[in-house]
mmCIF file of all heavy atoms, coordinates in Angstrom:
data_MODEL
# 
_entry.id   MODEL 
# 
loop_
_atom_site.group_PDB 
_atom_site.id 
_atom_site.type_symbol 
_atom_site.label_atom_id 
_atom_site.label_alt_id 
_atom_site.label_comp_id 
_atom_site.label_asym_id 
_atom_site.label_entity_id 
_atom_site.label_seq_id 
_atom_site.pdbx_PDB_ins_code 
_atom_site.Cartn_x 
_atom_site.Cartn_y 
_atom_site.Cartn_z 
_atom_site.occupancy 
_atom_site.B_iso_or_equiv 
_atom_site.pdbx_formal_charge 
_atom_site.auth_seq_id 
_atom_site.auth_comp_id 
_atom_site.auth_asym_id 
_atom_site.auth_atom_id 
_atom_site.pdbx_PDB_model_num 
ATOM 1   N N   . HIS A 1 1  ? -4.441  -5.312  2.463  1.00 0.00 ? 1  HIS A N   1 
ATOM 2   C CA  . HIS A 1 1  ? -3.749  -4.047  2.722  1.00 0.00 ? 1  HIS A CA  1 
ATOM 3   C C   . HIS A 1 1  ? -2.239  -4.267  2.755  1.00 0.00 ? 1  HIS A C   1 
ATOM 4   O O   . HIS A 1 1  ? -1.481  -3.539  2.095  1.00 0.00 ? 1  HIS A O   1 
ATOM 5   C CB  . HIS A 1 1  ? -4.234  -3.462  4.055  1.00 0.00 ? 1  HIS A CB  1 
ATOM 6   C CG  . HIS A 1 1  ? -3.633  -2.149  4.409  1.00 0.00 ? 1  HIS A CG  1 
ATOM 7   N ND1 . HIS A 1 1  ? -4.305  -0.953  4.281  1.00 0.00 ? 1  HIS A ND1 1 
ATOM 8   C CD2 . HIS A 1 1  ? -2.407  -1.824  4.905  1.00 0.00 ? 1  HIS A CD2 1 
ATOM 9   C CE1 . HIS A 1 1  ? -3.518  0.033   4.669  1.00 0.00 ? 1  HIS A CE1 1 
ATOM 10  N NE2 . HIS A 1 1  ? -2.368  -0.468  5.063  1.00 0.00 ? 1  HIS A NE2 1 
ATOM 11  N N   . GLN A 1 2  ? -1.797  -5.265  3.496  1.00 0.00 ? 2  GLN A N   1 
ATOM 12  C CA  . GLN A 1 2  ? -0.368  -5.517  3.639  1.00 0.00 ? 2  GLN A CA  1 
ATOM 13  C C   . GLN A 1 2  ? 0.263   -6.016  2.345  1.00 0.00 ? 2  GLN A C   1 
ATOM 14  O O   . GLN A 1 2  ? 1.376   -5.627  1.980  1.00 0.00 ? 2  GLN A O   1 
ATOM 15  C CB  . GLN A 1 2  ? -0.118  -6.542  4.759  1.00 0.00 ? 2  GLN A CB  1 
ATOM 16  C CG  . GLN A 1 2  ? 1.354   -6.802  5.049  1.00 0.00 ? 2  GLN A CG  1 
ATOM 17  C CD  . GLN A 1 2  ? 2.109   -5.536  5.388  1.00 0.00 ? 2  GLN A CD  1 
ATOM 18  O OE1 . GLN A 1 2  ? 1.679   -4.756  6.234  1.00 0.00 ? 2  GLN A OE1 1 
ATOM 19  N NE2 . GLN A 1 2  ? 3.236   -5.307  4.711  1.00 0.00 ? 2  GLN A NE2 1 
ATOM 20  N N   . GLN A 1 3  ? -0.449  -6.872  1.615  1.00 0.00 ? 3  GLN A N   1 
ATOM 21  C CA  . GLN A 1 3  ? 0.073   -7.371  0.338  1.00 0.00 ? 3  GLN A CA  1 
ATOM 22  C C   . GLN A 1 3  ? 0.276   -6.228  -0.652 1.00 0.00 ? 3  GLN A C   1 
ATOM 23  O O   . GLN A 1 3  ? 1.256   -6.211  -1.396 1.00 0.00 ? 3  GLN A O   1 
ATOM 24  C CB  . GLN A 1 3  ? -0.880  -8.412  -0.247 1.00 0.00 ? 3  GLN A CB  1 
ATOM 25  C CG  . GLN A 1 3  ? -0.875  -9.749  0.467  1.00 0.00 ? 3  GLN A CG  1 
ATOM 26  C CD  . GLN A 1 3  ? -1.997  -10.657 -0.011 1.00 0.00 ? 3  GLN A CD  1 
ATOM 27  O OE1 . GLN A 1 3  ? -2.995  -10.202 -0.577 1.00 0.00 ? 3  GLN A OE1 1 
ATOM 28  N NE2 . GLN A 1 3  ? -1.856  -11.953 0.234  1.00 0.00 ? 3  GLN A NE2 1 
ATOM 29  N N   . ALA A 1 4  ? -0.655  -5.267  -0.647 1.00 0.00 ? 4  ALA A N   1 
ATOM 30  C CA  . ALA A 1 4  ? -0.541  -4.119  -1.548 1.00 0.00 ? 4  ALA A CA  1 
ATOM 31  C C   . ALA A 1 4  ? 0.706   -3.303  -1.230 1.00 0.00 ? 4  ALA A C   1 
ATOM 32  O O   . ALA A 1 4  ? 1.451   -2.897  -2.124 1.00 0.00 ? 4  ALA A O   1 
ATOM 33  C CB  . ALA A 1 4  ? -1.794  -3.248  -1.446 1.00 0.00 ? 4  ALA A CB  1 
ATOM 34  N N   . GLU A 1 5  ? 0.943   -3.054  0.045  1.00 0.00 ? 5  GLU A N   1 
ATOM 35  C CA  . GLU A 1 5  ? 2.111   -2.262  0.433  1.00 0.00 ? 5  GLU A CA  1 
ATOM 36  C C   . GLU A 1 5  ? 3.409   -3.011  0.153  1.00 0.00 ? 5  GLU A C   1 
ATOM 37  O O   . GLU A 1 5  ? 4.393   -2.422  -0.311 1.00 0.00 ? 5  GLU A O   1 
ATOM 38  C CB  . GLU A 1 5  ? 2.020   -1.875  1.905  1.00 0.00 ? 5  GLU A CB  1 
ATOM 39  C CG  . GLU A 1 5  ? 0.888   -0.909  2.202  1.00 0.00 ? 5  GLU A CG  1 
ATOM 40  C CD  . GLU A 1 5  ? 1.087   -0.142  3.504  1.00 0.00 ? 5  GLU A CD  1 
ATOM 41  O OE1 . GLU A 1 5  ? 1.963   -0.548  4.308  1.00 0.00 ? 5  GLU A OE1 1 
ATOM 42  O OE2 . GLU A 1 5  ? 0.374   0.868   3.699  1.00 0.00 ? 5  GLU A OE2 1 
ATOM 43  N N   . SER A 1 6  ? 3.413   -4.303  0.417  1.00 0.00 ? 6  SER A N   1 
ATOM 44  C CA  . SER A 1 6  ? 4.624   -5.104  0.197  1.00 0.00 ? 6  SER A CA  1 
ATOM 45  C C   . SER A 1 6  ? 5.028   -5.121  -1.272 1.00 0.00 ? 6  SER A C   1 
ATOM 46  O O   . SER A 1 6  ? 6.215   -5.194  -1.600 1.00 0.00 ? 6  SER A O   1 
ATOM 47  C CB  . SER A 1 6  ? 4.413   -6.537  0.689  1.00 0.00 ? 6  SER A CB  1 
ATOM 48  O OG  . SER A 1 6  ? 4.222   -6.560  2.083  1.00 0.00 ? 6  SER A OG  1 
ATOM 49  N N   . LEU A 1 7  ? 4.041   -5.047  -2.163 1.00 0.00 ? 7  LEU A N   1 
ATOM 50  C CA  . LEU A 1 7  ? 4.324   -5.033  -3.592 1.00 0.00 ? 7  LEU A CA  1 
ATOM 51  C C   . LEU A 1 7  ? 5.254   -3.870  -3.951 1.00 0.00 ? 7  LEU A C   1 
ATOM 52  O O   . LEU A 1 7  ? 6.140   -4.002  -4.802 1.00 0.00 ? 7  LEU A O   1 
ATOM 53  C CB  . LEU A 1 7  ? 3.013   -4.931  -4.364 1.00 0.00 ? 7  LEU A CB  1 
ATOM 54  C CG  . LEU A 1 7  ? 3.023   -5.203  -5.869 1.00 0.00 ? 7  LEU A CG  1 
ATOM 55  C CD1 . LEU A 1 7  ? 3.528   -6.594  -6.183 1.00 0.00 ? 7  LEU A CD1 1 
ATOM 56  C CD2 . LEU A 1 7  ? 1.611   -5.011  -6.426 1.00 0.00 ? 7  LEU A CD2 1 
ATOM 57  N N   . LEU A 1 8  ? 5.081   -2.746  -3.263 1.00 0.00 ? 8  LEU A N   1 
ATOM 58  C CA  . LEU A 1 8  ? 5.885   -1.559  -3.538 1.00 0.00 ? 8  LEU A CA  1 
ATOM 59  C C   . LEU A 1 8  ? 7.171   -1.534  -2.715 1.00 0.00 ? 8  LEU A C   1 
ATOM 60  O O   . LEU A 1 8  ? 8.245   -1.229  -3.235 1.00 0.00 ? 8  LEU A O   1 
ATOM 61  C CB  . LEU A 1 8  ? 5.058   -0.303  -3.262 1.00 0.00 ? 8  LEU A CB  1 
ATOM 62  C CG  . LEU A 1 8  ? 3.827   -0.130  -4.157 1.00 0.00 ? 8  LEU A CG  1 
ATOM 63  C CD1 . LEU A 1 8  ? 2.969   1.032   -3.694 1.00 0.00 ? 8  LEU A CD1 1 
ATOM 64  C CD2 . LEU A 1 8  ? 4.236   0.084   -5.599 1.00 0.00 ? 8  LEU A CD2 1 
ATOM 65  N N   . THR A 1 9  ? 7.073   -1.848  -1.440 1.00 0.00 ? 9  THR A N   1 
ATOM 66  C CA  . THR A 1 9  ? 8.267   -1.774  -0.595 1.00 0.00 ? 9  THR A CA  1 
ATOM 67  C C   . THR A 1 9  ? 9.293   -2.833  -0.988 1.00 0.00 ? 9  THR A C   1 
ATOM 68  O O   . THR A 1 9  ? 10.498  -2.596  -0.878 1.00 0.00 ? 9  THR A O   1 
ATOM 69  C CB  . THR A 1 9  ? 7.895   -1.922  0.888  1.00 0.00 ? 9  THR A CB  1 
ATOM 70  O OG1 . THR A 1 9  ? 7.172   -3.153  1.095  1.00 0.00 ? 9  THR A OG1 1 
ATOM 71  C CG2 . THR A 1 9  ? 7.020   -0.761  1.345  1.00 0.00 ? 9  THR A CG2 1 
ATOM 72  N N   . ASP A 1 10 ? 8.834   -3.982  -1.454 1.00 0.00 ? 10 ASP A N   1 
ATOM 73  C CA  . ASP A 1 10 ? 9.765   -5.022  -1.893 1.00 0.00 ? 10 ASP A CA  1 
ATOM 74  C C   . ASP A 1 10 ? 10.563  -4.584  -3.117 1.00 0.00 ? 10 ASP A C   1 
ATOM 75  O O   . ASP A 1 10 ? 11.626  -5.143  -3.397 1.00 0.00 ? 10 ASP A O   1 
ATOM 76  C CB  . ASP A 1 10 ? 9.013   -6.323  -2.212 1.00 0.00 ? 10 ASP A CB  1 
ATOM 77  C CG  . ASP A 1 10 ? 8.506   -7.025  -0.961 1.00 0.00 ? 10 ASP A CG  1 
ATOM 78  O OD1 . ASP A 1 10 ? 8.880   -6.610  0.148  1.00 0.00 ? 10 ASP A OD1 1 
ATOM 79  O OD2 . ASP A 1 10 ? 7.725   -7.989  -1.100 1.00 0.00 ? 10 ASP A OD2 1 
ATOM 80  N N   . ALA A 1 11 ? 10.041  -3.592  -3.857 1.00 0.00 ? 11 ALA A N   1 
ATOM 81  C CA  . ALA A 1 11 ? 10.752  -3.060  -5.025 1.00 0.00 ? 11 ALA A CA  1 
ATOM 82  C C   . ALA A 1 11 ? 11.634  -1.871  -4.655 1.00 0.00 ? 11 ALA A C   1 
ATOM 83  O O   . ALA A 1 11 ? 12.189  -1.214  -5.535 1.00 0.00 ? 11 ALA A O   1 
ATOM 84  C CB  . ALA A 1 11 ? 9.751   -2.651  -6.100 1.00 0.00 ? 11 ALA A CB  1 
ATOM 85  N N   . GLY A 1 12 ? 11.748  -1.604  -3.370 1.00 0.00 ? 12 GLY A N   1 
ATOM 86  C CA  . GLY A 1 12 ? 12.618  -0.526  -2.905 1.00 0.00 ? 12 GLY A CA  1 
ATOM 87  C C   . GLY A 1 12 ? 11.983  0.844   -2.904 1.00 0.00 ? 12 GLY A C   1 
ATOM 88  O O   . GLY A 1 12 ? 12.675  1.857   -2.766 1.00 0.00 ? 12 GLY A O   1 
ATOM 89  N N   . LEU A 1 13 ? 10.645  0.893   -3.047 1.00 0.00 ? 13 LEU A N   1 
ATOM 90  C CA  . LEU A 1 13 ? 9.948   2.174   -3.061 1.00 0.00 ? 13 LEU A CA  1 
ATOM 91  C C   . LEU A 1 13 ? 9.451   2.529   -1.665 1.00 0.00 ? 13 LEU A C   1 
ATOM 92  O O   . LEU A 1 13 ? 9.136   1.651   -0.852 1.00 0.00 ? 13 LEU A O   1 
ATOM 93  C CB  . LEU A 1 13 ? 8.774   2.121   -4.040 1.00 0.00 ? 13 LEU A CB  1 
ATOM 94  C CG  . LEU A 1 13 ? 9.139   1.825   -5.500 1.00 0.00 ? 13 LEU A CG  1 
ATOM 95  C CD1 . LEU A 1 13 ? 7.877   1.694   -6.351 1.00 0.00 ? 13 LEU A CD1 1 
ATOM 96  C CD2 . LEU A 1 13 ? 10.049  2.905   -6.069 1.00 0.00 ? 13 LEU A CD2 1 
ATOM 97  N N   . HIS A 1 14 ? 9.368   3.829   -1.410 1.00 0.00 ? 14 HIS A N   1 
ATOM 98  C CA  . HIS A 1 14 ? 8.907   4.334   -0.106 1.00 0.00 ? 14 HIS A CA  1 
ATOM 99  C C   . HIS A 1 14 ? 7.470   4.818   -0.255 1.00 0.00 ? 14 HIS A C   1 
ATOM 100 O O   . HIS A 1 14 ? 7.188   5.705   -1.063 1.00 0.00 ? 14 HIS A O   1 
ATOM 101 C CB  . HIS A 1 14 ? 9.801   5.481   0.363  1.00 0.00 ? 14 HIS A CB  1 
ATOM 102 C CG  . HIS A 1 14 ? 9.328   6.130   1.622  1.00 0.00 ? 14 HIS A CG  1 
ATOM 103 N ND1 . HIS A 1 14 ? 9.242   5.464   2.830  1.00 0.00 ? 14 HIS A ND1 1 
ATOM 104 C CD2 . HIS A 1 14 ? 8.896   7.398   1.855  1.00 0.00 ? 14 HIS A CD2 1 
ATOM 105 C CE1 . HIS A 1 14 ? 8.782   6.285   3.751  1.00 0.00 ? 14 HIS A CE1 1 
ATOM 106 N NE2 . HIS A 1 14 ? 8.561   7.457   3.193  1.00 0.00 ? 14 HIS A NE2 1 
ATOM 107 N N   . ILE A 1 15 ? 6.550   4.240   0.512  1.00 0.00 ? 15 ILE A N   1 
ATOM 108 C CA  . ILE A 1 15 ? 5.136   4.595   0.413  1.00 0.00 ? 15 ILE A CA  1 
ATOM 109 C C   . ILE A 1 15 ? 4.893   5.945   1.082  1.00 0.00 ? 15 ILE A C   1 
ATOM 110 O O   . ILE A 1 15 ? 5.182   6.130   2.268  1.00 0.00 ? 15 ILE A O   1 
ATOM 111 C CB  . ILE A 1 15 ? 4.253   3.502   1.036  1.00 0.00 ? 15 ILE A CB  1 
ATOM 112 C CG1 . ILE A 1 15 ? 4.389   2.201   0.231  1.00 0.00 ? 15 ILE A CG1 1 
ATOM 113 C CG2 . ILE A 1 15 ? 2.790   3.948   1.065  1.00 0.00 ? 15 ILE A CG2 1 
ATOM 114 C CD1 . ILE A 1 15 ? 3.665   1.025   0.829  1.00 0.00 ? 15 ILE A CD1 1 
ATOM 115 N N   . LEU A 1 16 ? 4.332   6.871   0.307  1.00 0.00 ? 16 LEU A N   1 
ATOM 116 C CA  . LEU A 1 16 ? 4.023   8.204   0.812  1.00 0.00 ? 16 LEU A CA  1 
ATOM 117 C C   . LEU A 1 16 ? 2.578   8.305   1.273  1.00 0.00 ? 16 LEU A C   1 
ATOM 118 O O   . LEU A 1 16 ? 2.286   8.963   2.265  1.00 0.00 ? 16 LEU A O   1 
ATOM 119 C CB  . LEU A 1 16 ? 4.278   9.245   -0.286 1.00 0.00 ? 16 LEU A CB  1 
ATOM 120 C CG  . LEU A 1 16 ? 5.696   9.289   -0.871 1.00 0.00 ? 16 LEU A CG  1 
ATOM 121 C CD1 . LEU A 1 16 ? 5.750   10.261  -2.037 1.00 0.00 ? 16 LEU A CD1 1 
ATOM 122 C CD2 . LEU A 1 16 ? 6.705   9.684   0.197  1.00 0.00 ? 16 LEU A CD2 1 
ATOM 123 N N   . ARG A 1 17 ? 1.667   7.693   0.530  1.00 0.00 ? 17 ARG A N   1 
ATOM 124 C CA  . ARG A 1 17 ? 0.248   7.707   0.886  1.00 0.00 ? 17 ARG A CA  1 
ATOM 125 C C   . ARG A 1 17 ? -0.377  6.375   0.514  1.00 0.00 ? 17 ARG A C   1 
ATOM 126 O O   . ARG A 1 17 ? -0.094  5.814   -0.542 1.00 0.00 ? 17 ARG A O   1 
ATOM 127 C CB  . ARG A 1 17 ? -0.497  8.828   0.144  1.00 0.00 ? 17 ARG A CB  1 
ATOM 128 C CG  . ARG A 1 17 ? -0.078  10.222  0.496  1.00 0.00 ? 17 ARG A CG  1 
ATOM 129 C CD  . ARG A 1 17 ? -0.540  10.636  1.906  1.00 0.00 ? 17 ARG A CD  1 
ATOM 130 N NE  . ARG A 1 17 ? -1.918  11.120  1.882  1.00 0.00 ? 17 ARG A NE  1 
ATOM 131 C CZ  . ARG A 1 17 ? -2.949  10.495  2.466  1.00 0.00 ? 17 ARG A CZ  1 
ATOM 132 N NH1 . ARG A 1 17 ? -2.772  9.335   3.068  1.00 0.00 ? 17 ARG A NH1 1 
ATOM 133 N NH2 . ARG A 1 17 ? -4.153  11.023  2.423  1.00 0.00 ? 17 ARG A NH2 1 
ATOM 134 N N   . HIS A 1 18 ? -1.215  5.875   1.405  1.00 0.00 ? 18 HIS A N   1 
ATOM 135 C CA  . HIS A 1 18 ? -2.038  4.694   1.112  1.00 0.00 ? 18 HIS A CA  1 
ATOM 136 C C   . HIS A 1 18 ? -3.469  5.112   1.419  1.00 0.00 ? 18 HIS A C   1 
ATOM 137 O O   . HIS A 1 18 ? -3.857  5.247   2.575  1.00 0.00 ? 18 HIS A O   1 
ATOM 138 C CB  . HIS A 1 18 ? -1.617  3.502   1.972  1.00 0.00 ? 18 HIS A CB  1 
ATOM 139 C CG  . HIS A 1 18 ? -2.323  2.231   1.599  1.00 0.00 ? 18 HIS A CG  1 
ATOM 140 N ND1 . HIS A 1 18 ? -1.825  0.969   1.873  1.00 0.00 ? 18 HIS A ND1 1 
ATOM 141 C CD2 . HIS A 1 18 ? -3.508  2.005   0.971  1.00 0.00 ? 18 HIS A CD2 1 
ATOM 142 C CE1 . HIS A 1 18 ? -2.658  0.049   1.436  1.00 0.00 ? 18 HIS A CE1 1 
ATOM 143 N NE2 . HIS A 1 18 ? -3.694  0.658   0.894  1.00 0.00 ? 18 HIS A NE2 1 
ATOM 144 N N   . ILE A 1 19 ? -4.239  5.313   0.355  1.00 0.00 ? 19 ILE A N   1 
ATOM 145 C CA  . ILE A 1 19 ? -5.596  5.844   0.476  1.00 0.00 ? 19 ILE A CA  1 
ATOM 146 C C   . ILE A 1 19 ? -6.594  4.734   0.201  1.00 0.00 ? 19 ILE A C   1 
ATOM 147 O O   . ILE A 1 19 ? -6.467  4.006   -0.789 1.00 0.00 ? 19 ILE A O   1 
ATOM 148 C CB  . ILE A 1 19 ? -5.814  7.001   -0.521 1.00 0.00 ? 19 ILE A CB  1 
ATOM 149 C CG1 . ILE A 1 19 ? -4.785  8.106   -0.276 1.00 0.00 ? 19 ILE A CG1 1 
ATOM 150 C CG2 . ILE A 1 19 ? -7.227  7.547   -0.414 1.00 0.00 ? 19 ILE A CG2 1 
ATOM 151 C CD1 . ILE A 1 19 ? -4.702  9.115   -1.416 1.00 0.00 ? 19 ILE A CD1 1 
ATOM 152 N N   . GLU A 1 20 ? -7.575  4.606   1.060  1.00 0.00 ? 20 GLU A N   1 
ATOM 153 C CA  . GLU A 1 20 ? -8.624  3.608   0.864  1.00 0.00 ? 20 GLU A CA  1 
ATOM 154 C C   . GLU A 1 20 ? -9.933  4.160   1.418  1.00 0.00 ? 20 GLU A C   1 
ATOM 155 O O   . GLU A 1 20 ? -9.924  4.991   2.329  1.00 0.00 ? 20 GLU A O   1 
ATOM 156 C CB  . GLU A 1 20 ? -8.264  2.295   1.561  1.00 0.00 ? 20 GLU A CB  1 
ATOM 157 C CG  . GLU A 1 20 ? -8.039  2.412   3.051  1.00 0.00 ? 20 GLU A CG  1 
ATOM 158 C CD  . GLU A 1 20 ? -7.535  1.121   3.693  1.00 0.00 ? 20 GLU A CD  1 
ATOM 159 O OE1 . GLU A 1 20 ? -7.077  0.235   2.969  1.00 0.00 ? 20 GLU A OE1 1 
ATOM 160 O OE2 . GLU A 1 20 ? -7.622  1.031   4.934  1.00 0.00 ? 20 GLU A OE2 1 
ATOM 161 N N   . PRO A 1 21 ? -11.075 3.719   0.866  1.00 0.00 ? 21 PRO A N   1 
ATOM 162 C CA  . PRO A 1 21 ? -12.364 4.156   1.410  1.00 0.00 ? 21 PRO A CA  1 
ATOM 163 C C   . PRO A 1 21 ? -12.647 3.437   2.726  1.00 0.00 ? 21 PRO A C   1 
ATOM 164 O O   . PRO A 1 21 ? -11.917 2.534   3.125  1.00 0.00 ? 21 PRO A O   1 
ATOM 165 C CB  . PRO A 1 21 ? -13.350 3.746   0.322  1.00 0.00 ? 21 PRO A CB  1 
ATOM 166 C CG  . PRO A 1 21 ? -12.707 2.558   -0.324 1.00 0.00 ? 21 PRO A CG  1 
ATOM 167 C CD  . PRO A 1 21 ? -11.224 2.799   -0.266 1.00 0.00 ? 21 PRO A CD  1 
ATOM 168 N N   . GLU A 1 22 ? -13.730 3.832   3.383  1.00 0.00 ? 22 GLU A N   1 
ATOM 169 C CA  . GLU A 1 22 ? -14.075 3.228   4.668  1.00 0.00 ? 22 GLU A CA  1 
ATOM 170 C C   . GLU A 1 22 ? -14.318 1.734   4.562  1.00 0.00 ? 22 GLU A C   1 
ATOM 171 O O   . GLU A 1 22 ? -13.993 0.978   5.481  1.00 0.00 ? 22 GLU A O   1 
ATOM 172 C CB  . GLU A 1 22 ? -15.321 3.915   5.254  1.00 0.00 ? 22 GLU A CB  1 
ATOM 173 C CG  . GLU A 1 22 ? -15.071 5.325   5.741  1.00 0.00 ? 22 GLU A CG  1 
ATOM 174 C CD  . GLU A 1 22 ? -16.282 5.911   6.444  1.00 0.00 ? 22 GLU A CD  1 
ATOM 175 O OE1 . GLU A 1 22 ? -17.262 5.153   6.685  1.00 0.00 ? 22 GLU A OE1 1 
ATOM 176 O OE2 . GLU A 1 22 ? -16.279 7.118   6.743  1.00 0.00 ? 22 GLU A OE2 1 
ATOM 177 N N   . ASN A 1 23 ? -14.868 1.279   3.440  1.00 0.00 ? 23 ASN A N   1 
ATOM 178 C CA  . ASN A 1 23 ? -15.139 -0.154  3.289  1.00 0.00 ? 23 ASN A CA  1 
ATOM 179 C C   . ASN A 1 23 ? -13.905 -0.945  2.842  1.00 0.00 ? 23 ASN A C   1 
ATOM 180 O O   . ASN A 1 23 ? -13.967 -2.162  2.705  1.00 0.00 ? 23 ASN A O   1 
ATOM 181 C CB  . ASN A 1 23 ? -16.300 -0.394  2.327  1.00 0.00 ? 23 ASN A CB  1 
ATOM 182 C CG  . ASN A 1 23 ? -16.050 0.173   0.924  1.00 0.00 ? 23 ASN A CG  1 
ATOM 183 O OD1 . ASN A 1 23 ? -14.909 0.455   0.546  1.00 0.00 ? 23 ASN A OD1 1 
ATOM 184 N ND2 . ASN A 1 23 ? -17.122 0.325   0.145  1.00 0.00 ? 23 ASN A ND2 1 
ATOM 185 N N   . ALA A 1 24 ? -12.785 -0.247  2.581  1.00 0.00 ? 24 ALA A N   1 
ATOM 186 C CA  . ALA A 1 24 ? -11.510 -0.882  2.203  1.00 0.00 ? 24 ALA A CA  1 
ATOM 187 C C   . ALA A 1 24 ? -11.642 -1.759  0.956  1.00 0.00 ? 24 ALA A C   1 
ATOM 188 O O   . ALA A 1 24 ? -10.958 -2.769  0.823  1.00 0.00 ? 24 ALA A O   1 
ATOM 189 C CB  . ALA A 1 24 ? -10.948 -1.697  3.369  1.00 0.00 ? 24 ALA A CB  1 
ATOM 190 N N   . TRP A 1 25 ? -12.487 -1.341  0.025  1.00 0.00 ? 25 TRP A N   1 
ATOM 191 C CA  . TRP A 1 25 ? -12.678 -2.113  -1.202 1.00 0.00 ? 25 TRP A CA  1 
ATOM 192 C C   . TRP A 1 25 ? -11.546 -1.919  -2.196 1.00 0.00 ? 25 TRP A C   1 
ATOM 193 O O   . TRP A 1 25 ? -11.366 -2.731  -3.102 1.00 0.00 ? 25 TRP A O   1 
ATOM 194 C CB  . TRP A 1 25 ? -14.001 -1.714  -1.874 1.00 0.00 ? 25 TRP A CB  1 
ATOM 195 C CG  . TRP A 1 25 ? -15.199 -2.364  -1.267 1.00 0.00 ? 25 TRP A CG  1 
ATOM 196 C CD1 . TRP A 1 25 ? -15.270 -3.073  -0.105 1.00 0.00 ? 25 TRP A CD1 1 
ATOM 197 C CD2 . TRP A 1 25 ? -16.526 -2.358  -1.805 1.00 0.00 ? 25 TRP A CD2 1 
ATOM 198 N NE1 . TRP A 1 25 ? -16.540 -3.503  0.128  1.00 0.00 ? 25 TRP A NE1 1 
ATOM 199 C CE2 . TRP A 1 25 ? -17.347 -3.080  -0.903 1.00 0.00 ? 25 TRP A CE2 1 
ATOM 200 C CE3 . TRP A 1 25 ? -17.105 -1.812  -2.938 1.00 0.00 ? 25 TRP A CE3 1 
ATOM 201 C CZ2 . TRP A 1 25 ? -18.697 -3.271  -1.120 1.00 0.00 ? 25 TRP A CZ2 1 
ATOM 202 C CZ3 . TRP A 1 25 ? -18.466 -1.994  -3.152 1.00 0.00 ? 25 TRP A CZ3 1 
ATOM 203 C CH2 . TRP A 1 25 ? -19.251 -2.724  -2.254 1.00 0.00 ? 25 TRP A CH2 1 
# 
């Protein structure tokens, strides 16, 4: 989860939504 978000924030982007199913697959 954190690696996915860092991929975007490290590029200077602001995360608006992070959607995942209950199993977080």
